[in-house]
Amino acid sequence: MNDADYLDGFLDKDDLEENSNESLPVWVSKSNSSFKAYEAINELNGIKKQYIRRHGLKSQYTKKSNYQISKASVARIVGTTPQAIFNSVDYAGALSRYREEINEKLEQAKLQKIAKNNSGLRGERKEELVKGLQEAKNKNEDLLVETVDKVYERTINSLSLDVKRKLKLIS
């Protein structure tokens, strides 16, 4: 086994694609705060993906800040106000669209993670589970009675006439 196969077990395909694609969007420039904001969004994206990967219950997603990237958190990392990087600069529209795209991907990942955990018996309500169990018990009892009747009938039919007369099954 080589090192690449070993490391593939720990990394998502999305992470590998992002790291291999180092070209920056047109609106990102290292001469202004757009590069810092772009890097901050990517860093927060990784953190939010980890949160989604580790949490599968719907109740763990009540706070959007746990799985979504807010303007304030990006601004906090960049060291400015949200107004300064999301409204008053020429790249604000592109940066906002990029953040929204990332948030949509994170939302889809969250929904997929929740859907995985709600499959099977875990996803059903208690009343539905109890009703299903009662129906299964009744069906099993009916099948048991039917099977016993069939076995009894076969046994009686396989007895000889002498034995049936002694058991007073026929007159």
N, C-alpha and C. Protein backbone atom coordinates (compact mmCIF):
# COMPACT_ATOMS: atom_id res chain seq x y z
N MET A 1 0.85 -1.18 0.00
CA MET A 1 0.00 0.00 0.00
C MET A 1 0.89 1.24 0.00
N ASN A 2 0.63 2.15 -0.90
CA ASN A 2 1.45 3.35 -0.96
C ASN A 2 0.84 4.46 -0.10
N ASP A 3 1.59 5.53 0.07
CA ASP A 3 1.16 6.61 0.95
C ASP A 3 -0.09 7.32 0.44
N ALA A 4 -0.25 7.43 -0.86
CA ALA A 4 -1.42 8.12 -1.42
C ALA A 4 -2.70 7.38 -1.07
N ASP A 5 -2.69 6.05 -1.17
CA ASP A 5 -3.88 5.27 -0.80
C ASP A 5 -4.19 5.41 0.68
N TYR A 6 -3.15 5.42 1.49
CA TYR A 6 -3.33 5.54 2.93
C TYR A 6 -3.96 6.89 3.28
N LEU A 7 -3.46 7.96 2.68
CA LEU A 7 -3.96 9.30 2.98
C LEU A 7 -5.36 9.52 2.42
N ASP A 8 -5.70 8.83 1.33
CA ASP A 8 -7.04 8.97 0.75
C ASP A 8 -8.12 8.54 1.73
N GLY A 9 -7.79 7.66 2.66
CA GLY A 9 -8.75 7.21 3.66
C GLY A 9 -9.13 8.30 4.64
N PHE A 10 -8.31 9.33 4.75
CA PHE A 10 -8.56 10.39 5.72
C PHE A 10 -9.11 11.67 5.09
N LEU A 11 -8.95 11.84 3.80
CA LEU A 11 -9.37 13.07 3.15
C LEU A 11 -10.59 12.85 2.29
N ASP A 12 -11.45 13.86 2.24
CA ASP A 12 -12.60 13.83 1.34
C ASP A 12 -12.13 14.19 -0.06
N LYS A 13 -12.87 13.74 -1.06
CA LYS A 13 -12.53 14.07 -2.44
C LYS A 13 -12.66 15.57 -2.68
N ASP A 14 -13.62 16.21 -2.00
CA ASP A 14 -13.79 17.66 -2.15
C ASP A 14 -12.55 18.40 -1.67
N ASP A 15 -11.98 17.93 -0.54
CA ASP A 15 -10.79 18.57 -0.01
C ASP A 15 -9.62 18.43 -0.97
N LEU A 16 -9.48 17.26 -1.57
CA LEU A 16 -8.38 17.05 -2.52
C LEU A 16 -8.52 17.94 -3.74
N GLU A 17 -9.73 18.10 -4.24
CA GLU A 17 -9.95 18.94 -5.41
C GLU A 17 -9.62 20.40 -5.11
N GLU A 18 -9.99 20.86 -3.92
CA GLU A 18 -9.72 22.25 -3.57
C GLU A 18 -8.23 22.50 -3.47
N ASN A 19 -7.49 21.57 -2.86
CA ASN A 19 -6.06 21.76 -2.68
C ASN A 19 -5.31 21.67 -4.00
N SER A 20 -5.77 20.84 -4.91
CA SER A 20 -5.07 20.70 -6.17
C SER A 20 -5.33 21.88 -7.10
N ASN A 21 -6.43 22.58 -6.91
CA ASN A 21 -6.78 23.71 -7.76
C ASN A 21 -6.35 24.99 -7.05
N GLU A 22 -5.14 25.46 -7.33
CA GLU A 22 -4.59 26.62 -6.64
C GLU A 22 -4.88 27.94 -7.35
N SER A 23 -5.51 27.92 -8.50
CA SER A 23 -5.78 29.17 -9.22
C SER A 23 -6.87 29.95 -8.49
N LEU A 24 -6.62 31.23 -8.35
CA LEU A 24 -7.55 32.11 -7.63
C LEU A 24 -8.59 32.66 -8.59
N PRO A 25 -9.79 32.95 -8.08
CA PRO A 25 -10.80 33.60 -8.93
C PRO A 25 -10.30 34.98 -9.39
N VAL A 26 -10.93 35.50 -10.40
CA VAL A 26 -10.52 36.77 -11.00
C VAL A 26 -10.62 37.92 -10.00
N TRP A 27 -11.63 37.91 -9.16
CA TRP A 27 -11.87 39.02 -8.25
C TRP A 27 -10.92 39.03 -7.06
N VAL A 28 -10.15 37.96 -6.86
CA VAL A 28 -9.23 37.89 -5.72
C VAL A 28 -7.89 38.50 -6.11
N SER A 29 -7.41 39.39 -5.26
CA SER A 29 -6.11 40.03 -5.48
C SER A 29 -5.34 40.04 -4.17
N LYS A 30 -4.06 39.74 -4.25
CA LYS A 30 -3.25 39.75 -3.03
C LYS A 30 -2.93 41.16 -2.56
N SER A 31 -3.23 42.16 -3.38
CA SER A 31 -2.93 43.54 -3.02
C SER A 31 -4.00 44.17 -2.13
N ASN A 32 -5.16 43.53 -1.98
CA ASN A 32 -6.19 44.08 -1.10
C ASN A 32 -6.72 42.98 -0.18
N SER A 33 -7.77 43.28 0.54
CA SER A 33 -8.28 42.33 1.54
C SER A 33 -9.09 41.19 0.92
N SER A 34 -9.27 41.19 -0.39
CA SER A 34 -10.05 40.11 -1.01
C SER A 34 -9.36 38.76 -0.84
N PHE A 35 -8.03 38.75 -0.88
CA PHE A 35 -7.30 37.49 -0.71
C PHE A 35 -7.49 36.97 0.71
N LYS A 36 -7.39 37.86 1.70
CA LYS A 36 -7.58 37.44 3.09
C LYS A 36 -9.01 36.93 3.31
N ALA A 37 -9.98 37.61 2.72
CA ALA A 37 -11.38 37.19 2.86
C ALA A 37 -11.60 35.84 2.18
N TYR A 38 -11.02 35.66 1.01
CA TYR A 38 -11.13 34.39 0.27
C TYR A 38 -10.52 33.25 1.10
N GLU A 39 -9.35 33.48 1.65
CA GLU A 39 -8.69 32.48 2.49
C GLU A 39 -9.50 32.21 3.76
N ALA A 40 -10.07 33.25 4.34
CA ALA A 40 -10.88 33.09 5.56
C ALA A 40 -12.11 32.23 5.28
N ILE A 41 -12.76 32.46 4.15
CA ILE A 41 -13.94 31.66 3.78
C ILE A 41 -13.54 30.20 3.58
N ASN A 42 -12.41 29.97 2.92
CA ASN A 42 -11.95 28.59 2.70
C ASN A 42 -11.58 27.91 4.02
N GLU A 43 -10.95 28.67 4.92
CA GLU A 43 -10.60 28.12 6.23
C GLU A 43 -11.86 27.77 7.02
N LEU A 44 -12.82 28.68 7.03
CA LEU A 44 -14.08 28.42 7.73
C LEU A 44 -14.85 27.27 7.08
N ASN A 45 -14.74 27.14 5.78
CA ASN A 45 -15.39 26.04 5.07
C ASN A 45 -14.86 24.70 5.59
N GLY A 46 -13.56 24.60 5.77
CA GLY A 46 -12.97 23.37 6.31
C GLY A 46 -13.46 23.08 7.72
N ILE A 47 -13.55 24.11 8.54
CA ILE A 47 -14.01 23.94 9.93
C ILE A 47 -15.47 23.49 9.95
N LYS A 48 -16.29 24.11 9.12
CA LYS A 48 -17.72 23.76 9.08
C LYS A 48 -17.92 22.35 8.53
N LYS A 49 -17.11 21.95 7.55
CA LYS A 49 -17.20 20.58 7.02
C LYS A 49 -16.87 19.56 8.11
N GLN A 50 -15.86 19.88 8.92
CA GLN A 50 -15.51 18.98 10.03
C GLN A 50 -16.67 18.87 11.01
N TYR A 51 -17.31 19.99 11.31
CA TYR A 51 -18.45 19.96 12.22
C TYR A 51 -19.56 19.08 11.65
N ILE A 52 -19.85 19.25 10.37
CA ILE A 52 -20.91 18.46 9.74
C ILE A 52 -20.55 16.98 9.73
N ARG A 53 -19.28 16.68 9.48
CA ARG A 53 -18.83 15.29 9.45
C ARG A 53 -18.99 14.61 10.81
N ARG A 54 -18.82 15.38 11.87
CA ARG A 54 -18.83 14.80 13.22
C ARG A 54 -20.19 14.83 13.90
N HIS A 55 -21.14 15.57 13.35
CA HIS A 55 -22.45 15.71 14.00
C HIS A 55 -23.55 15.27 13.05
N GLY A 56 -24.36 14.29 13.50
CA GLY A 56 -25.38 13.74 12.63
C GLY A 56 -26.81 13.93 13.10
N LEU A 57 -26.99 14.51 14.28
CA LEU A 57 -28.35 14.68 14.79
C LEU A 57 -28.91 16.04 14.37
N LYS A 58 -30.18 16.06 14.08
CA LYS A 58 -30.83 17.30 13.65
C LYS A 58 -30.77 18.35 14.76
N SER A 59 -30.83 17.93 16.00
CA SER A 59 -30.80 18.87 17.12
C SER A 59 -29.45 19.57 17.26
N GLN A 60 -28.42 19.04 16.64
CA GLN A 60 -27.09 19.66 16.73
C GLN A 60 -26.91 20.78 15.71
N TYR A 61 -27.95 21.04 14.92
CA TYR A 61 -27.87 22.08 13.89
C TYR A 61 -28.85 23.21 14.16
N THR A 62 -29.16 23.47 15.43
CA THR A 62 -30.09 24.55 15.74
C THR A 62 -29.44 25.92 15.53
N LYS A 63 -28.15 26.02 15.80
CA LYS A 63 -27.43 27.28 15.58
C LYS A 63 -26.80 27.25 14.20
N LYS A 64 -27.15 28.22 13.37
CA LYS A 64 -26.58 28.27 12.02
C LYS A 64 -25.08 28.52 12.04
N SER A 65 -24.60 29.17 13.08
CA SER A 65 -23.17 29.49 13.13
C SER A 65 -22.31 28.23 13.23
N ASN A 66 -22.91 27.11 13.59
CA ASN A 66 -22.14 25.86 13.68
C ASN A 66 -21.84 25.28 12.31
N TYR A 67 -22.69 25.53 11.33
CA TYR A 67 -22.50 24.90 10.02
C TYR A 67 -22.57 25.87 8.84
N GLN A 68 -22.76 27.15 9.08
CA GLN A 68 -22.80 28.15 8.02
C GLN A 68 -21.72 29.21 8.26
N ILE A 69 -21.29 29.84 7.20
CA ILE A 69 -20.26 30.88 7.29
C ILE A 69 -20.97 32.23 7.28
N SER A 70 -20.77 32.99 8.34
CA SER A 70 -21.40 34.31 8.43
C SER A 70 -20.43 35.40 7.97
N LYS A 71 -20.98 36.53 7.60
CA LYS A 71 -20.15 37.65 7.19
C LYS A 71 -19.29 38.12 8.35
N ALA A 72 -19.87 38.11 9.55
CA ALA A 72 -19.14 38.58 10.72
C ALA A 72 -17.93 37.69 11.03
N SER A 73 -18.09 36.38 10.88
CA SER A 73 -16.96 35.49 11.17
C SER A 73 -15.83 35.68 10.16
N VAL A 74 -16.19 35.92 8.90
CA VAL A 74 -15.16 36.19 7.88
C VAL A 74 -14.46 37.50 8.22
N ALA A 75 -15.23 38.52 8.55
CA ALA A 75 -14.66 39.83 8.88
C ALA A 75 -13.77 39.74 10.11
N ARG A 76 -14.16 38.94 11.08
CA ARG A 76 -13.37 38.78 12.31
C ARG A 76 -11.99 38.20 11.98
N ILE A 77 -11.95 37.21 11.09
CA ILE A 77 -10.67 36.61 10.71
C ILE A 77 -9.82 37.59 9.90
N VAL A 78 -10.47 38.33 9.00
CA VAL A 78 -9.75 39.30 8.17
C VAL A 78 -9.26 40.48 9.01
N GLY A 79 -10.01 40.81 10.05
CA GLY A 79 -9.63 41.92 10.92
C GLY A 79 -10.30 43.23 10.56
N THR A 80 -11.44 43.16 9.88
CA THR A 80 -12.20 44.36 9.52
C THR A 80 -13.66 44.16 9.92
N THR A 81 -14.49 45.10 9.51
CA THR A 81 -15.92 44.96 9.76
C THR A 81 -16.58 44.30 8.56
N PRO A 82 -17.73 43.66 8.76
CA PRO A 82 -18.43 43.05 7.62
C PRO A 82 -18.79 44.08 6.55
N GLN A 83 -19.12 45.29 6.96
CA GLN A 83 -19.47 46.36 6.02
C GLN A 83 -18.31 46.64 5.08
N ALA A 84 -17.10 46.61 5.62
CA ALA A 84 -15.92 46.99 4.83
C ALA A 84 -15.62 45.99 3.72
N ILE A 85 -15.85 44.71 3.93
CA ILE A 85 -15.47 43.75 2.89
C ILE A 85 -16.66 43.19 2.10
N PHE A 86 -17.87 43.36 2.59
CA PHE A 86 -19.02 42.79 1.88
C PHE A 86 -19.91 43.83 1.21
N ASN A 87 -19.65 45.12 1.44
CA ASN A 87 -20.52 46.14 0.84
C ASN A 87 -19.76 47.26 0.14
N SER A 88 -18.71 47.76 0.74
CA SER A 88 -18.12 49.01 0.24
C SER A 88 -16.92 48.83 -0.69
N VAL A 89 -16.64 47.63 -1.14
CA VAL A 89 -15.51 47.42 -2.05
C VAL A 89 -16.03 46.87 -3.38
N ASP A 90 -15.19 46.95 -4.42
CA ASP A 90 -15.64 46.54 -5.75
C ASP A 90 -15.82 45.02 -5.89
N TYR A 91 -15.14 44.23 -5.09
CA TYR A 91 -15.27 42.77 -5.17
C TYR A 91 -16.34 42.23 -4.22
N ALA A 92 -17.11 43.09 -3.58
CA ALA A 92 -18.09 42.68 -2.57
C ALA A 92 -19.14 41.73 -3.13
N GLY A 93 -19.62 42.00 -4.32
CA GLY A 93 -20.65 41.13 -4.92
C GLY A 93 -20.12 39.73 -5.18
N ALA A 94 -18.93 39.65 -5.73
CA ALA A 94 -18.33 38.34 -6.02
C ALA A 94 -18.02 37.59 -4.73
N LEU A 95 -17.53 38.31 -3.73
CA LEU A 95 -17.22 37.68 -2.44
C LEU A 95 -18.50 37.17 -1.78
N SER A 96 -19.56 37.95 -1.83
CA SER A 96 -20.84 37.51 -1.26
C SER A 96 -21.38 36.29 -1.98
N ARG A 97 -21.29 36.29 -3.31
CA ARG A 97 -21.75 35.12 -4.08
C ARG A 97 -20.93 33.88 -3.73
N TYR A 98 -19.63 34.05 -3.59
CA TYR A 98 -18.76 32.92 -3.24
C TYR A 98 -19.14 32.36 -1.86
N ARG A 99 -19.36 33.26 -0.90
CA ARG A 99 -19.75 32.83 0.45
C ARG A 99 -21.10 32.11 0.40
N GLU A 100 -22.04 32.62 -0.39
CA GLU A 100 -23.36 31.99 -0.51
C GLU A 100 -23.26 30.61 -1.16
N GLU A 101 -22.39 30.47 -2.17
CA GLU A 101 -22.19 29.17 -2.82
C GLU A 101 -21.64 28.15 -1.82
N ILE A 102 -20.67 28.58 -1.04
CA ILE A 102 -20.08 27.69 -0.02
C ILE A 102 -21.15 27.32 1.00
N ASN A 103 -21.96 28.29 1.42
CA ASN A 103 -23.02 28.01 2.39
C ASN A 103 -24.05 27.04 1.83
N GLU A 104 -24.36 27.15 0.54
CA GLU A 104 -25.30 26.20 -0.08
C GLU A 104 -24.72 24.79 -0.06
N LYS A 105 -23.43 24.66 -0.36
CA LYS A 105 -22.79 23.35 -0.32
C LYS A 105 -22.80 22.78 1.10
N LEU A 106 -22.54 23.65 2.07
CA LEU A 106 -22.55 23.20 3.47
C LEU A 106 -23.96 22.77 3.88
N GLU A 107 -24.96 23.50 3.42
CA GLU A 107 -26.36 23.15 3.73
C GLU A 107 -26.70 21.79 3.14
N GLN A 108 -26.28 21.54 1.91
CA GLN A 108 -26.53 20.24 1.28
C GLN A 108 -25.83 19.11 2.04
N ALA A 109 -24.59 19.37 2.45
CA ALA A 109 -23.85 18.36 3.21
C ALA A 109 -24.55 18.07 4.54
N LYS A 110 -25.07 19.12 5.18
CA LYS A 110 -25.79 18.95 6.44
C LYS A 110 -27.04 18.10 6.22
N LEU A 111 -27.80 18.41 5.18
CA LEU A 111 -29.03 17.66 4.91
C LEU A 111 -28.73 16.20 4.59
N GLN A 112 -27.66 15.94 3.86
CA GLN A 112 -27.28 14.56 3.56
C GLN A 112 -26.87 13.82 4.82
N LYS A 113 -26.15 14.49 5.71
CA LYS A 113 -25.72 13.86 6.96
C LYS A 113 -26.92 13.53 7.84
N ILE A 114 -27.87 14.45 7.93
CA ILE A 114 -29.07 14.20 8.73
C ILE A 114 -29.90 13.09 8.11
N ALA A 115 -30.00 13.08 6.79
CA ALA A 115 -30.80 12.04 6.10
C ALA A 115 -30.20 10.66 6.32
N LYS A 116 -28.89 10.56 6.39
CA LYS A 116 -28.25 9.26 6.62
C LYS A 116 -28.65 8.71 7.98
N ASN A 117 -28.69 9.57 8.98
CA ASN A 117 -28.99 9.10 10.33
C ASN A 117 -30.46 8.84 10.56
N ASN A 118 -31.32 9.40 9.73
CA ASN A 118 -32.75 9.22 9.92
C ASN A 118 -33.31 8.05 9.12
N SER A 119 -32.44 7.24 8.58
CA SER A 119 -32.93 6.10 7.82
C SER A 119 -33.16 4.92 8.76
N GLY A 120 -34.03 4.02 8.38
CA GLY A 120 -34.29 2.84 9.19
C GLY A 120 -35.18 3.14 10.37
N LEU A 121 -35.01 2.37 11.43
CA LEU A 121 -35.86 2.51 12.61
C LEU A 121 -35.61 3.80 13.37
N ARG A 122 -34.41 4.36 13.29
CA ARG A 122 -34.11 5.59 14.00
C ARG A 122 -34.96 6.76 13.52
N GLY A 123 -35.32 6.74 12.27
CA GLY A 123 -36.06 7.84 11.69
C GLY A 123 -37.55 7.82 12.00
N GLU A 124 -38.05 6.71 12.50
CA GLU A 124 -39.49 6.60 12.75
C GLU A 124 -39.83 7.07 14.16
N ARG A 125 -41.07 7.53 14.32
CA ARG A 125 -41.53 7.96 15.64
C ARG A 125 -41.88 6.75 16.49
N LYS A 126 -41.95 6.95 17.79
CA LYS A 126 -42.20 5.85 18.71
C LYS A 126 -43.55 5.19 18.44
N GLU A 127 -44.58 6.01 18.18
CA GLU A 127 -45.92 5.46 17.94
C GLU A 127 -45.91 4.52 16.73
N GLU A 128 -45.20 4.93 15.68
CA GLU A 128 -45.12 4.10 14.48
C GLU A 128 -44.40 2.79 14.76
N LEU A 129 -43.34 2.86 15.56
CA LEU A 129 -42.59 1.65 15.90
C LEU A 129 -43.44 0.69 16.73
N VAL A 130 -44.19 1.23 17.71
CA VAL A 130 -45.04 0.39 18.56
C VAL A 130 -46.13 -0.26 17.71
N LYS A 131 -46.75 0.52 16.84
CA LYS A 131 -47.81 -0.02 15.98
C LYS A 131 -47.27 -1.13 15.08
N GLY A 132 -46.11 -0.90 14.49
CA GLY A 132 -45.49 -1.90 13.63
C GLY A 132 -45.16 -3.18 14.39
N LEU A 133 -44.66 -3.03 15.61
CA LEU A 133 -44.33 -4.19 16.43
C LEU A 133 -45.58 -4.98 16.79
N GLN A 134 -46.66 -4.28 17.15
CA GLN A 134 -47.91 -4.96 17.48
C GLN A 134 -48.47 -5.71 16.27
N GLU A 135 -48.40 -5.09 15.10
CA GLU A 135 -48.87 -5.76 13.89
C GLU A 135 -48.04 -7.00 13.59
N ALA A 136 -46.74 -6.90 13.79
CA ALA A 136 -45.86 -8.05 13.55
C ALA A 136 -46.16 -9.18 14.53
N LYS A 137 -46.41 -8.84 15.80
CA LYS A 137 -46.75 -9.87 16.79
C LYS A 137 -48.06 -10.57 16.43
N ASN A 138 -49.07 -9.79 16.06
CA ASN A 138 -50.36 -10.38 15.68
C ASN A 138 -50.22 -11.28 14.46
N LYS A 139 -49.45 -10.84 13.49
CA LYS A 139 -49.24 -11.64 12.29
C LYS A 139 -48.52 -12.94 12.64
N ASN A 140 -47.52 -12.86 13.51
CA ASN A 140 -46.79 -14.06 13.93
C ASN A 140 -47.69 -15.03 14.68
N GLU A 141 -48.56 -14.50 15.54
CA GLU A 141 -49.50 -15.37 16.28
C GLU A 141 -50.45 -16.07 15.31
N ASP A 142 -50.97 -15.33 14.33
CA ASP A 142 -51.86 -15.93 13.33
C ASP A 142 -51.15 -17.02 12.54
N LEU A 143 -49.93 -16.75 12.13
CA LEU A 143 -49.15 -17.75 11.39
C LEU A 143 -48.87 -18.98 12.24
N LEU A 144 -48.60 -18.77 13.52
CA LEU A 144 -48.34 -19.89 14.43
C LEU A 144 -49.58 -20.77 14.57
N VAL A 145 -50.75 -20.15 14.77
CA VAL A 145 -51.99 -20.91 14.89
C VAL A 145 -52.27 -21.67 13.60
N GLU A 146 -52.08 -21.02 12.47
CA GLU A 146 -52.31 -21.67 11.18
C GLU A 146 -51.36 -22.85 10.98
N THR A 147 -50.11 -22.68 11.35
CA THR A 147 -49.12 -23.76 11.21
C THR A 147 -49.46 -24.93 12.12
N VAL A 148 -49.85 -24.64 13.35
CA VAL A 148 -50.22 -25.71 14.29
C VAL A 148 -51.43 -26.47 13.77
N ASP A 149 -52.43 -25.76 13.24
CA ASP A 149 -53.61 -26.42 12.67
C ASP A 149 -53.23 -27.34 11.51
N LYS A 150 -52.36 -26.86 10.64
CA LYS A 150 -51.94 -27.69 9.50
C LYS A 150 -51.18 -28.94 9.96
N VAL A 151 -50.30 -28.77 10.93
CA VAL A 151 -49.54 -29.92 11.44
C VAL A 151 -50.48 -30.92 12.11
N TYR A 152 -51.44 -30.44 12.89
CA TYR A 152 -52.40 -31.31 13.56
C TYR A 152 -53.22 -32.08 12.52
N GLU A 153 -53.69 -31.37 11.49
CA GLU A 153 -54.49 -32.01 10.44
C GLU A 153 -53.67 -33.08 9.70
N ARG A 154 -52.43 -32.79 9.38
CA ARG A 154 -51.58 -33.78 8.71
C ARG A 154 -51.33 -34.99 9.60
N THR A 155 -51.12 -34.72 10.87
CA THR A 155 -50.87 -35.84 11.79
C THR A 155 -52.09 -36.74 11.87
N ILE A 156 -53.26 -36.15 12.00
CA ILE A 156 -54.50 -36.93 12.08
C ILE A 156 -54.71 -37.72 10.78
N ASN A 157 -54.46 -37.09 9.65
CA ASN A 157 -54.65 -37.76 8.36
C ASN A 157 -53.66 -38.91 8.15
N SER A 158 -52.50 -38.81 8.76
CA SER A 158 -51.50 -39.86 8.57
C SER A 158 -51.69 -41.05 9.51
N LEU A 159 -52.58 -40.93 10.50
CA LEU A 159 -52.85 -42.05 11.42
C LEU A 159 -53.66 -43.14 10.71
N SER A 160 -53.43 -44.34 11.13
CA SER A 160 -54.21 -45.45 10.56
C SER A 160 -55.62 -45.45 11.15
N LEU A 161 -56.54 -46.18 10.51
CA LEU A 161 -57.92 -46.22 10.96
C LEU A 161 -58.05 -46.82 12.36
N ASP A 162 -57.24 -47.83 12.68
CA ASP A 162 -57.30 -48.45 14.01
C ASP A 162 -56.96 -47.43 15.10
N VAL A 163 -55.92 -46.65 14.87
CA VAL A 163 -55.50 -45.66 15.87
C VAL A 163 -56.56 -44.57 15.99
N LYS A 164 -57.16 -44.17 14.88
CA LYS A 164 -58.20 -43.15 14.92
C LYS A 164 -59.41 -43.64 15.71
N ARG A 165 -59.77 -44.93 15.57
CA ARG A 165 -60.90 -45.48 16.32
C ARG A 165 -60.58 -45.54 17.81
N LYS A 166 -59.36 -45.93 18.16
CA LYS A 166 -58.98 -46.01 19.58
C LYS A 166 -58.97 -44.62 20.22
N LEU A 167 -58.58 -43.62 19.44
CA LEU A 167 -58.59 -42.24 19.94
C LEU A 167 -59.97 -41.61 19.85
N LYS A 168 -60.92 -42.37 19.30
CA LYS A 168 -62.30 -41.93 19.14
C LYS A 168 -62.40 -40.67 18.28
N LEU A 169 -61.57 -40.63 17.26
CA LEU A 169 -61.63 -39.52 16.32
C LEU A 169 -62.65 -39.78 15.23
N ILE A 170 -62.95 -41.05 14.99
CA ILE A 170 -64.01 -41.42 14.05
C ILE A 170 -64.91 -42.44 14.73
N SER A 171 -66.12 -42.50 14.33
CA SER A 171 -67.03 -43.44 14.97
C SER A 171 -67.30 -44.67 14.16
